[in-house]
PDB file of N, CA and C in Angstrom:
ATOM      1  N   UNK A   1      22.921  14.500  14.158  1.00  0.00           N
ATOM      2  CA  UNK A   1      23.426  14.860  15.425  1.00  0.00           C
ATOM      3  C   UNK A   1      24.981  15.206  15.301  1.00  0.00           C
ATOM      4  N   UNK A   2      25.272  16.408  15.190  1.00  0.00           N
ATOM      5  CA  UNK A   2      26.713  16.831  15.008  1.00  0.00           C
ATOM      6  C   UNK A   2      27.297  17.072  16.395  1.00  0.00           C
ATOM      7  N   UNK A   3      26.986  18.244  17.033  1.00  0.00           N
ATOM      8  CA  UNK A   3      27.605  18.625  18.224  1.00  0.00           C
ATOM      9  C   UNK A   3      26.612  18.345  19.341  1.00  0.00           C
ATOM     10  N   UNK A   4      27.185  17.878  20.518  1.00  0.00           N
ATOM     11  CA  UNK A   4      26.349  17.496  21.671  1.00  0.00           C
ATOM     12  C   UNK A   4      27.135  17.829  22.905  1.00  0.00           C
ATOM     13  N   UNK A   5      26.547  18.490  23.918  1.00  0.00           N
ATOM     14  CA  UNK A   5      27.107  18.718  25.228  1.00  0.00           C
ATOM     15  C   UNK A   5      26.512  17.707  26.145  1.00  0.00           C
ATOM     16  N   UNK A   6      27.346  16.942  26.867  1.00  0.00           N
ATOM     17  CA  UNK A   6      26.942  15.730  27.651  1.00  0.00           C
ATOM     18  C   UNK A   6      27.619  15.830  29.070  1.00  0.00           C
ATOM     19  N   UNK A   7      26.732  15.634  30.061  1.00  0.00           N
ATOM     20  CA  UNK A   7      27.314  15.448  31.388  1.00  0.00           C
ATOM     21  C   UNK A   7      28.049  14.146  31.432  1.00  0.00           C
ATOM     22  N   UNK A   8      29.266  14.214  31.875  1.00  0.00           N
ATOM     23  CA  UNK A   8      30.087  13.022  31.876  1.00  0.00           C
ATOM     24  C   UNK A   8      30.537  12.551  33.273  1.00  0.00           C
ATOM     25  N   UNK A   9      30.522  13.450  34.199  1.00  0.00           N
ATOM     26  CA  UNK A   9      31.039  13.063  35.572  1.00  0.00           C
ATOM     27  C   UNK A   9      30.678  14.199  36.579  1.00  0.00           C
ATOM     28  N   UNK A  10      30.972  13.897  37.840  1.00  0.00           N
ATOM     29  CA  UNK A  10      30.928  14.860  38.921  1.00  0.00           C
ATOM     30  C   UNK A  10      32.272  15.232  39.380  1.00  0.00           C
ATOM     31  N   UNK A  11      32.503  16.575  39.803  1.00  0.00           N
ATOM     32  CA  UNK A  11      33.763  16.913  40.381  1.00  0.00           C
ATOM     33  C   UNK A  11      34.189  16.070  41.560  1.00  0.00           C
ATOM     34  N   UNK A  12      33.215  15.707  42.327  1.00  0.00           N
ATOM     35  CA  UNK A  12      33.547  14.887  43.528  1.00  0.00           C
ATOM     36  C   UNK A  12      34.206  13.528  43.223  1.00  0.00           C
ATOM     37  N   UNK A  13      34.064  13.077  42.025  1.00  0.00           N
ATOM     38  CA  UNK A  13      34.628  11.756  41.580  1.00  0.00           C
ATOM     39  C   UNK A  13      35.960  11.890  41.006  1.00  0.00           C
ATOM     40  N   UNK A  14      36.436  13.104  40.896  1.00  0.00           N
ATOM     41  CA  UNK A  14      37.695  13.349  40.156  1.00  0.00           C
ATOM     42  C   UNK A  14      38.551  14.397  40.963  1.00  0.00           C
ATOM     43  N   UNK A  15      39.330  13.891  41.872  1.00  0.00           N
ATOM     44  CA  UNK A  15      40.181  14.769  42.697  1.00  0.00           C
ATOM     45  C   UNK A  15      41.432  15.117  41.893  1.00  0.00           C
ATOM     46  N   UNK A  16      42.130  16.208  42.342  1.00  0.00           N
ATOM     47  CA  UNK A  16      43.378  16.597  41.659  1.00  0.00           C
ATOM     48  C   UNK A  16      44.381  15.459  41.666  1.00  0.00           C
ATOM     49  N   UNK A  17      44.978  15.338  40.472  1.00  0.00           N
ATOM     50  CA  UNK A  17      45.925  14.253  40.222  1.00  0.00           C
ATOM     51  C   UNK A  17      45.268  12.906  39.820  1.00  0.00           C
ATOM     52  N   UNK A  18      43.960  12.816  39.670  1.00  0.00           N
ATOM     53  CA  UNK A  18      43.276  11.607  39.469  1.00  0.00           C
ATOM     54  C   UNK A  18      42.769  11.653  37.937  1.00  0.00           C
ATOM     55  N   UNK A  19      42.566  10.438  37.432  1.00  0.00           N
ATOM     56  CA  UNK A  19      41.905  10.217  36.148  1.00  0.00           C
ATOM     57  C   UNK A  19      40.662   9.377  36.300  1.00  0.00           C
ATOM     58  N   UNK A  20      39.709   9.472  35.345  1.00  0.00           N
ATOM     59  CA  UNK A  20      38.560   8.806  35.413  1.00  0.00           C
ATOM     60  C   UNK A  20      38.125   8.287  33.996  1.00  0.00           C
ATOM     61  N   UNK A  21      37.572   7.078  33.882  1.00  0.00           N
ATOM     62  CA  UNK A  21      37.115   6.542  32.602  1.00  0.00           C
ATOM     63  C   UNK A  21      35.585   6.792  32.535  1.00  0.00           C
ATOM     64  N   UNK A  22      35.206   7.135  31.322  1.00  0.00           N
ATOM     65  CA  UNK A  22      33.787   7.252  31.020  1.00  0.00           C
ATOM     66  C   UNK A  22      33.594   6.805  29.552  1.00  0.00           C
ATOM     67  N   UNK A  23      32.315   6.332  29.261  1.00  0.00           N
ATOM     68  CA  UNK A  23      32.107   5.874  27.918  1.00  0.00           C
ATOM     69  C   UNK A  23      30.727   6.650  27.435  1.00  0.00           C
ATOM     70  N   UNK A  24      30.796   7.146  26.282  1.00  0.00           N
ATOM     71  CA  UNK A  24      29.659   7.783  25.672  1.00  0.00           C
ATOM     72  C   UNK A  24      29.336   7.039  24.352  1.00  0.00           C
ATOM     73  N   UNK A  25      28.230   6.384  24.367  1.00  0.00           N
ATOM     74  CA  UNK A  25      27.773   5.660  23.128  1.00  0.00           C
ATOM     75  C   UNK A  25      28.944   4.895  22.474  1.00  0.00           C
ATOM     76  N   UNK A  26      29.695   4.120  23.350  1.00  0.00           N
ATOM     77  CA  UNK A  26      30.819   3.273  22.910  1.00  0.00           C
ATOM     78  C   UNK A  26      32.054   4.071  22.705  1.00  0.00           C
ATOM     79  N   UNK A  27      32.065   5.317  22.822  1.00  0.00           N
ATOM     80  CA  UNK A  27      33.407   6.168  22.700  1.00  0.00           C
ATOM     81  C   UNK A  27      34.045   6.210  24.066  1.00  0.00           C
ATOM     82  N   UNK A  28      35.288   5.744  24.226  1.00  0.00           N
ATOM     83  CA  UNK A  28      36.058   5.719  25.412  1.00  0.00           C
ATOM     84  C   UNK A  28      36.631   7.097  25.633  1.00  0.00           C
ATOM     85  N   UNK A  29      36.308   7.666  26.801  1.00  0.00           N
ATOM     86  CA  UNK A  29      36.762   9.074  27.184  1.00  0.00           C
ATOM     87  C   UNK A  29      37.472   8.866  28.479  1.00  0.00           C
ATOM     88  N   UNK A  30      38.635   9.677  28.623  1.00  0.00           N
ATOM     89  CA  UNK A  30      39.364   9.786  29.888  1.00  0.00           C
ATOM     90  C   UNK A  30      39.224  11.162  30.304  1.00  0.00           C
ATOM     91  N   UNK A  31      39.072  11.443  31.656  1.00  0.00           N
ATOM     92  CA  UNK A  31      39.131  12.713  32.253  1.00  0.00           C
ATOM     93  C   UNK A  31      40.269  12.786  33.246  1.00  0.00           C
ATOM     94  N   UNK A  32      40.936  13.944  33.255  1.00  0.00           N
ATOM     95  CA  UNK A  32      42.065  14.114  34.134  1.00  0.00           C
ATOM     96  C   UNK A  32      41.923  15.462  34.880  1.00  0.00           C
ATOM     97  N   UNK A  33      42.080  15.358  36.246  1.00  0.00           N
ATOM     98  CA  UNK A  33      42.122  16.566  37.033  1.00  0.00           C
ATOM     99  C   UNK A  33      43.579  17.074  37.260  1.00  0.00           C
ATOM    100  N   UNK A  34      43.994  18.101  36.605  1.00  0.00           N
ATOM    101  CA  UNK A  34      45.347  18.637  36.749  1.00  0.00           C
ATOM    102  C   UNK A  34      45.338  19.857  37.581  1.00  0.00           C
ATOM    103  N   UNK A  35      45.677  19.802  38.807  1.00  0.00           N
ATOM    104  CA  UNK A  35      45.573  21.016  39.857  1.00  0.00           C
ATOM    105  C   UNK A  35      44.252  21.703  39.693  1.00  0.00           C
ATOM    106  N   UNK A  36      43.122  20.982  39.633  1.00  0.00           N
ATOM    107  CA  UNK A  36      41.856  21.582  39.570  1.00  0.00           C
ATOM    108  C   UNK A  36      41.246  21.896  38.190  1.00  0.00           C
ATOM    109  N   UNK A  37      42.082  21.794  37.179  1.00  0.00           N
ATOM    110  CA  UNK A  37      41.644  22.025  35.891  1.00  0.00           C
ATOM    111  C   UNK A  37      41.319  20.561  35.256  1.00  0.00           C
ATOM    112  N   UNK A  38      40.059  20.443  34.621  1.00  0.00           N
ATOM    113  CA  UNK A  38      39.604  19.204  34.096  1.00  0.00           C
ATOM    114  C   UNK A  38      39.848  19.176  32.591  1.00  0.00           C
ATOM    115  N   UNK A  39      40.402  18.032  32.211  1.00  0.00           N
ATOM    116  CA  UNK A  39      40.724  17.842  30.719  1.00  0.00           C
ATOM    117  C   UNK A  39      40.037  16.542  30.332  1.00  0.00           C
ATOM    118  N   UNK A  40      39.515  16.520  29.105  1.00  0.00           N
ATOM    119  CA  UNK A  40      38.873  15.356  28.539  1.00  0.00           C
ATOM    120  C   UNK A  40      39.568  14.905  27.289  1.00  0.00           C
ATOM    121  N   UNK A  41      39.804  13.644  27.103  1.00  0.00           N
ATOM    122  CA  UNK A  41      40.560  13.176  25.919  1.00  0.00           C
ATOM    123  C   UNK A  41      40.189  11.727  25.606  1.00  0.00           C
ATOM    124  N   UNK A  42      40.475  11.279  24.424  1.00  0.00           N
ATOM    125  CA  UNK A  42      40.227   9.904  24.075  1.00  0.00           C
ATOM    126  C   UNK A  42      41.047   8.993  24.941  1.00  0.00           C
ATOM    127  N   UNK A  43      40.379   7.861  25.404  1.00  0.00           N
ATOM    128  CA  UNK A  43      41.001   6.965  26.352  1.00  0.00           C
ATOM    129  C   UNK A  43      41.889   5.899  25.653  1.00  0.00           C
ATOM    130  N   UNK A  44      41.981   5.866  24.397  1.00  0.00           N
ATOM    131  CA  UNK A  44      42.672   4.817  23.670  1.00  0.00           C
ATOM    132  C   UNK A  44      44.006   5.330  23.161  1.00  0.00           C
ATOM    133  N   UNK A  45      45.120   4.637  23.570  1.00  0.00           N
ATOM    134  CA  UNK A  45      46.428   4.986  23.065  1.00  0.00           C
ATOM    135  C   UNK A  45      46.519   4.801  21.615  1.00  0.00           C
ATOM    136  N   UNK A  46      47.243   5.652  20.886  1.00  0.00           N
ATOM    137  CA  UNK A  46      47.317   5.499  19.405  1.00  0.00           C
ATOM    138  C   UNK A  46      48.257   4.273  19.010  1.00  0.00           C
ATOM    139  N   UNK A  47      48.994   3.737  20.010  1.00  0.00           N
ATOM    140  CA  UNK A  47      49.951   2.622  19.693  1.00  0.00           C
ATOM    141  C   UNK A  47      49.140   1.298  19.524  1.00  0.00           C
ATOM    142  N   UNK A  48      48.563   0.823  20.630  1.00  0.00           N
ATOM    143  CA  UNK A  48      47.803  -0.447  20.536  1.00  0.00           C
ATOM    144  C   UNK A  48      46.504  -0.407  21.342  1.00  0.00           C
ATOM    145  N   UNK A  49      45.959   0.876  21.598  1.00  0.00           N
ATOM    146  CA  UNK A  49      44.668   1.082  22.201  1.00  0.00           C
ATOM    147  C   UNK A  49      44.638   0.870  23.657  1.00  0.00           C
ATOM    148  N   UNK A  50      45.821   1.028  24.332  1.00  0.00           N
ATOM    149  CA  UNK A  50      45.853   0.949  25.780  1.00  0.00           C
ATOM    150  C   UNK A  50      44.972   1.977  26.429  1.00  0.00           C
ATOM    151  N   UNK A  51      44.473   1.533  27.601  1.00  0.00           N
ATOM    152  CA  UNK A  51      43.530   2.561  28.330  1.00  0.00           C
ATOM    153  C   UNK A  51      44.334   3.543  29.034  1.00  0.00           C
ATOM    154  N   UNK A  52      44.319   4.803  28.486  1.00  0.00           N
ATOM    155  CA  UNK A  52      45.120   5.864  29.041  1.00  0.00           C
ATOM    156  C   UNK A  52      44.666   6.268  30.479  1.00  0.00           C
ATOM    157  N   UNK A  53      43.297   6.127  30.753  1.00  0.00           N
ATOM    158  CA  UNK A  53      42.848   6.444  32.100  1.00  0.00           C
ATOM    159  C   UNK A  53      43.431   5.491  33.188  1.00  0.00           C
ATOM    160  N   UNK A  54      43.943   4.412  32.813  1.00  0.00           N
ATOM    161  CA  UNK A  54      44.608   3.483  33.722  1.00  0.00           C
ATOM    162  C   UNK A  54      46.122   3.675  33.799  1.00  0.00           C
ATOM    163  N   UNK A  55      46.573   4.635  33.159  1.00  0.00           N
ATOM    164  CA  UNK A  55      47.954   4.965  33.070  1.00  0.00           C
ATOM    165  C   UNK A  55      48.430   5.992  34.190  1.00  0.00           C
ATOM    166  N   UNK A  56      49.524   6.578  34.073  1.00  0.00           N
ATOM    167  CA  UNK A  56      50.098   7.437  35.042  1.00  0.00           C
ATOM    168  C   UNK A  56      49.939   8.944  34.607  1.00  0.00           C
ATOM    169  N   UNK A  57      49.449   9.707  35.519  1.00  0.00           N
ATOM    170  CA  UNK A  57      49.231  11.147  35.206  1.00  0.00           C
ATOM    171  C   UNK A  57      50.253  11.943  36.112  1.00  0.00           C
ATOM    172  N   UNK A  58      51.130  12.681  35.397  1.00  0.00           N
ATOM    173  CA  UNK A  58      52.053  13.507  36.092  1.00  0.00           C
ATOM    174  C   UNK A  58      51.959  14.909  35.454  1.00  0.00           C
ATOM    175  N   UNK A  59      51.476  15.885  36.183  1.00  0.00           N
ATOM    176  CA  UNK A  59      51.121  17.091  35.529  1.00  0.00           C
ATOM    177  C   UNK A  59      50.101  16.999  34.354  1.00  0.00           C
ATOM    178  N   UNK A  60      50.442  17.573  33.259  1.00  0.00           N
ATOM    179  CA  UNK A  60      49.637  17.475  32.094  1.00  0.00           C
ATOM    180  C   UNK A  60      49.984  16.211  31.205  1.00  0.00           C
ATOM    181  N   UNK A  61      50.821  15.378  31.688  1.00  0.00           N
ATOM    182  CA  UNK A  61      51.293  14.167  30.827  1.00  0.00           C
ATOM    183  C   UNK A  61      50.598  12.888  31.403  1.00  0.00           C
ATOM    184  N   UNK A  62      50.069  12.227  30.438  1.00  0.00           N
ATOM    185  CA  UNK A  62      49.504  10.857  30.733  1.00  0.00           C
ATOM    186  C   UNK A  62      50.436   9.837  30.008  1.00  0.00           C
ATOM    187  N   UNK A  63      50.728   8.799  30.730  1.00  0.00           N
ATOM    188  CA  UNK A  63      51.567   7.688  30.093  1.00  0.00           C
ATOM    189  C   UNK A  63      50.735   6.375  30.080  1.00  0.00           C
ATOM    190  N   UNK A  64      50.680   5.895  28.769  1.00  0.00           N
ATOM    191  CA  UNK A  64      49.904   4.613  28.631  1.00  0.00           C
ATOM    192  C   UNK A  64      50.557   3.427  29.509  1.00  0.00           C
ATOM    193  N   UNK A  65      49.644   2.725  30.197  1.00  0.00           N
ATOM    194  CA  UNK A  65      50.185   1.676  31.041  1.00  0.00           C
ATOM    195  C   UNK A  65      50.701   0.457  30.196  1.00  0.00           C
ATOM    196  N   UNK A  66      50.445   0.332  28.964  1.00  0.00           N
ATOM    197  CA  UNK A  66      50.887  -0.838  28.220  1.00  0.00           C
ATOM    198  C   UNK A  66      52.297  -0.700  27.715  1.00  0.00           C
ATOM    199  N   UNK A  67      52.655   0.383  27.025  1.00  0.00           N
ATOM    200  CA  UNK A  67      53.939   0.472  26.440  1.00  0.00           C
ATOM    201  C   UNK A  67      54.588   1.843  26.609  1.00  0.00           C
ATOM    202  N   UNK A  68      54.101   2.741  27.472  1.00  0.00           N
ATOM    203  CA  UNK A  68      54.735   3.923  27.859  1.00  0.00           C
ATOM    204  C   UNK A  68      54.705   5.065  26.869  1.00  0.00           C
ATOM    205  N   UNK A  69      53.757   5.055  25.958  1.00  0.00           N
ATOM    206  CA  UNK A  69      53.527   6.204  25.046  1.00  0.00           C
ATOM    207  C   UNK A  69      52.906   7.354  25.947  1.00  0.00           C
ATOM    208  N   UNK A  70      53.380   8.626  25.686  1.00  0.00           N
ATOM    209  CA  UNK A  70      52.948   9.676  26.460  1.00  0.00           C
ATOM    210  C   UNK A  70      52.233  10.657  25.688  1.00  0.00           C
ATOM    211  N   UNK A  71      51.331  11.404  26.349  1.00  0.00           N
ATOM    212  CA  UNK A  71      50.520  12.494  25.597  1.00  0.00           C
ATOM    213  C   UNK A  71      50.265  13.589  26.544  1.00  0.00           C
ATOM    214  N   UNK A  72      50.133  14.843  26.013  1.00  0.00           N
ATOM    215  CA  UNK A  72      49.702  15.958  26.841  1.00  0.00           C
ATOM    216  C   UNK A  72      48.178  15.902  26.881  1.00  0.00           C
ATOM    217  N   UNK A  73      47.591  15.887  28.008  1.00  0.00           N
ATOM    218  CA  UNK A  73      46.164  15.783  28.263  1.00  0.00           C
ATOM    219  C   UNK A  73      45.382  17.038  27.776  1.00  0.00           C
ATOM    220  N   UNK A  74      46.111  18.152  27.723  1.00  0.00           N
ATOM    221  CA  UNK A  74      45.484  19.453  27.277  1.00  0.00           C
ATOM    222  C   UNK A  74      45.381  19.537  25.798  1.00  0.00           C
ATOM    223  N   UNK A  75      46.474  19.148  25.109  1.00  0.00           N
ATOM    224  CA  UNK A  75      46.499  19.311  23.727  1.00  0.00           C
ATOM    225  C   UNK A  75      46.304  17.992  22.893  1.00  0.00           C
ATOM    226  N   UNK A  76      46.484  16.815  23.549  1.00  0.00           N
ATOM    227  CA  UNK A  76      46.363  15.593  22.891  1.00  0.00           C
ATOM    228  C   UNK A  76      47.595  15.210  22.136  1.00  0.00           C
ATOM    229  N   UNK A  77      48.654  16.005  22.115  1.00  0.00           N
ATOM    230  CA  UNK A  77      49.902  15.738  21.304  1.00  0.00           C
ATOM    231  C   UNK A  77      50.784  14.707  21.982  1.00  0.00           C
ATOM    232  N   UNK A  78      51.293  13.843  21.191  1.00  0.00           N
ATOM    233  CA  UNK A  78      52.303  12.915  21.579  1.00  0.00           C
ATOM    234  C   UNK A  78      53.515  13.609  22.043  1.00  0.00           C
ATOM    235  N   UNK A  79      54.104  13.255  23.169  1.00  0.00           N
ATOM    236  CA  UNK A  79      55.248  13.985  23.800  1.00  0.00           C
ATOM    237  C   UNK A  79      56.569  13.301  23.389  1.00  0.00           C
ATOM    238  N   UNK A  80      56.646  11.987  23.239  1.00  0.00           N
ATOM    239  CA  UNK A  80      57.908  11.325  22.848  1.00  0.00           C
ATOM    240  C   UNK A  80      57.621  10.694  21.463  1.00  0.00           C
ATOM    241  N   UNK A  81      58.663  10.416  20.688  1.00  0.00           N
ATOM    242  CA  UNK A  81      58.478   9.762  19.361  1.00  0.00           C
ATOM    243  C   UNK A  81      57.620   8.584  19.436  1.00  0.00           C
ATOM    244  N   UNK A  82      56.681   8.471  18.479  1.00  0.00           N
ATOM    245  CA  UNK A  82      56.590   9.313  17.233  1.00  0.00           C
ATOM    246  C   UNK A  82      55.873  10.577  17.519  1.00  0.00           C
ATOM    247  N   UNK A  83      56.563  11.663  17.391  1.00  0.00           N
ATOM    248  CA  UNK A  83      55.844  12.950  17.536  1.00  0.00           C
ATOM    249  C   UNK A  83      54.878  13.194  16.474  1.00  0.00           C
ATOM    250  N   UNK A  84      53.966  14.007  16.649  1.00  0.00           N
ATOM    251  CA  UNK A  84      52.920  14.350  15.679  1.00  0.00           C
ATOM    252  C   UNK A  84      51.632  13.617  15.830  1.00  0.00           C
ATOM    253  N   UNK A  85      51.703  12.522  16.546  1.00  0.00           N
ATOM    254  CA  UNK A  85      50.415  11.848  16.733  1.00  0.00           C
ATOM    255  C   UNK A  85      49.604  12.470  17.754  1.00  0.00           C
ATOM    256  N   UNK A  86      48.320  12.392  17.754  1.00  0.00           N
ATOM    257  CA  UNK A  86      47.361  13.048  18.692  1.00  0.00           C
ATOM    258  C   UNK A  86      46.324  12.029  19.086  1.00  0.00           C
ATOM    259  N   UNK A  87      45.866  12.283  20.303  1.00  0.00           N
ATOM    260  CA  UNK A  87      44.616  11.625  20.747  1.00  0.00           C
ATOM    261  C   UNK A  87      43.617  12.790  20.722  1.00  0.00           C
ATOM    262  N   UNK A  88      42.349  12.450  20.529  1.00  0.00           N
ATOM    263  CA  UNK A  88      41.380  13.545  20.452  1.00  0.00           C
ATOM    264  C   UNK A  88      41.178  14.156  21.841  1.00  0.00           C
ATOM    265  N   UNK A  89      40.912  15.496  21.853  1.00  0.00           N
ATOM    266  CA  UNK A  89      40.577  16.228  23.168  1.00  0.00           C
ATOM    267  C   UNK A  89      39.198  16.776  22.970  1.00  0.00           C
ATOM    268  N   UNK A  90      38.568  17.081  24.144  1.00  0.00           N
ATOM    269  CA  UNK A  90      37.095  17.521  24.075  1.00  0.00           C
ATOM    270  C   UNK A  90      37.025  18.768  24.979  1.00  0.00           C
ATOM    271  N   UNK A  91      36.293  19.800  24.596  1.00  0.00           N
ATOM    272  CA  UNK A  91      36.128  20.954  25.403  1.00  0.00           C
ATOM    273  C   UNK A  91      35.326  20.554  26.700  1.00  0.00           C
ATOM    274  N   UNK A  92      35.694  21.068  27.767  1.00  0.00           N
ATOM    275  CA  UNK A  92      35.099  20.811  29.095  1.00  0.00           C
ATOM    276  C   UNK A  92      34.415  22.058  29.657  1.00  0.00           C
ATOM    277  N   UNK A  93      33.352  21.880  30.319  1.00  0.00           N
ATOM    278  CA  UNK A  93      32.595  22.894  30.944  1.00  0.00           C
ATOM    279  C   UNK A  93      32.179  22.417  32.336  1.00  0.00           C
ATOM    280  N   UNK A  94      32.398  23.230  33.338  1.00  0.00           N
ATOM    281  CA  UNK A  94      31.980  22.788  34.721  1.00  0.00           C
ATOM    282  C   UNK A  94      30.822  23.695  35.097  1.00  0.00           C
ATOM    283  N   UNK A  95      29.718  23.076  35.558  1.00  0.00           N
ATOM    284  CA  UNK A  95      28.555  23.764  36.069  1.00  0.00           C
ATOM    285  C   UNK A  95      28.257  23.246  37.442  1.00  0.00           C
ATOM    286  N   UNK A  96      28.562  23.937  38.494  1.00  0.00           N
ATOM    287  CA  UNK A  96      28.330  23.466  39.814  1.00  0.00           C
ATOM    288  C   UNK A  96      29.330  22.360  40.104  1.00  0.00           C
ATOM    289  N   UNK A  97      28.837  21.158  40.364  1.00  0.00           N
ATOM    290  CA  UNK A  97      29.599  19.981  40.602  1.00  0.00           C
ATOM    291  C   UNK A  97      29.704  19.051  39.338  1.00  0.00           C
ATOM    292  N   UNK A  98      28.988  19.512  38.264  1.00  0.00           N
ATOM    293  CA  UNK A  98      28.884  18.660  37.153  1.00  0.00           C
ATOM    294  C   UNK A  98      29.956  18.987  36.035  1.00  0.00           C
ATOM    295  N   UNK A  99      30.495  17.968  35.481  1.00  0.00           N
ATOM    296  CA  UNK A  99      31.432  18.061  34.345  1.00  0.00           C
ATOM    297  C   UNK A  99      30.892  17.712  33.103  1.00  0.00           C
ATOM    298  N   UNK A 100      30.776  18.586  32.192  1.00  0.00           N
ATOM    299  CA  UNK A 100      30.278  18.420  30.788  1.00  0.00           C
ATOM    300  C   UNK A 100      31.328  18.383  29.735  1.00  0.00           C
ATOM    301  N   UNK A 101      31.244  17.590  28.773  1.00  0.00           N
ATOM    302  CA  UNK A 101      32.138  17.728  27.554  1.00  0.00           C
ATOM    303  C   UNK A 101      31.283  17.940  26.251  1.00  0.00           C
ATOM    304  N   UNK A 102      31.963  18.598  25.279  1.00  0.00           N
ATOM    305  CA  UNK A 102      31.275  18.770  24.032  1.00  0.00           C
ATOM    306  C   UNK A 102      31.916  17.778  23.051  1.00  0.00           C
ATOM    307  N   UNK A 103      31.025  17.000  22.413  1.00  0.00           N
ATOM    308  CA  UNK A 103      31.430  15.991  21.452  1.00  0.00           C
ATOM    309  C   UNK A 103      30.869  16.427  20.044  1.00  0.00           C
ATOM    310  N   UNK A 104      31.699  16.357  19.025  1.00  0.00           N
ATOM    311  CA  UNK A 104      31.304  16.557  17.667  1.00  0.00           C
ATOM    312  C   UNK A 104      31.269  15.213  17.039  1.00  0.00           C
ATOM    313  N   UNK A 105      30.143  14.613  16.983  1.00  0.00           N
ATOM    314  CA  UNK A 105      30.029  13.234  16.553  1.00  0.00           C
ATOM    315  C   UNK A 105      30.358  13.095  15.040  1.00  0.00           C
ATOM    316  N   UNK A 106      30.367  14.127  14.272  1.00  0.00           N
ATOM    317  CA  UNK A 106      30.769  14.039  12.845  1.00  0.00           C
ATOM    318  C   UNK A 106      32.278  13.774  12.657  1.00  0.00           C
ATOM    319  N   UNK A 107      32.997  14.119  13.780  1.00  0.00           N
ATOM    320  CA  UNK A 107      34.396  13.861  13.734  1.00  0.00           C
ATOM    321  C   UNK A 107      34.861  12.563  14.296  1.00  0.00           C
ATOM    322  N   UNK A 108      33.959  11.876  15.047  1.00  0.00           N
ATOM    323  CA  UNK A 108      34.314  10.638  15.725  1.00  0.00           C
ATOM    324  C   UNK A 108      34.216   9.501  14.814  1.00  0.00           C
TER     325      UNK A 108
END
């Protein structure tokens, strides 16, 4: 099983400016609604594994609630030092009210 498209949420559960936690087979995923655009990314901060979905979302930036590390939810790139770190991001597709993400399990 390499690539899989999975329904992960409903749009009604994710209003603009909000984040949502989901788990797929033990893989923690965060969803963010940035002005109507939905982004999916790994929910674990690269520093000490803090839950990014419990952090602060401002625009495309999520800040970890534990120690303040920040990432771009669209690209997964770390915004402040240490630069170059990334969290995984996942392609999102919307069908009606359903939010789907594509997971490549060979990369997880």
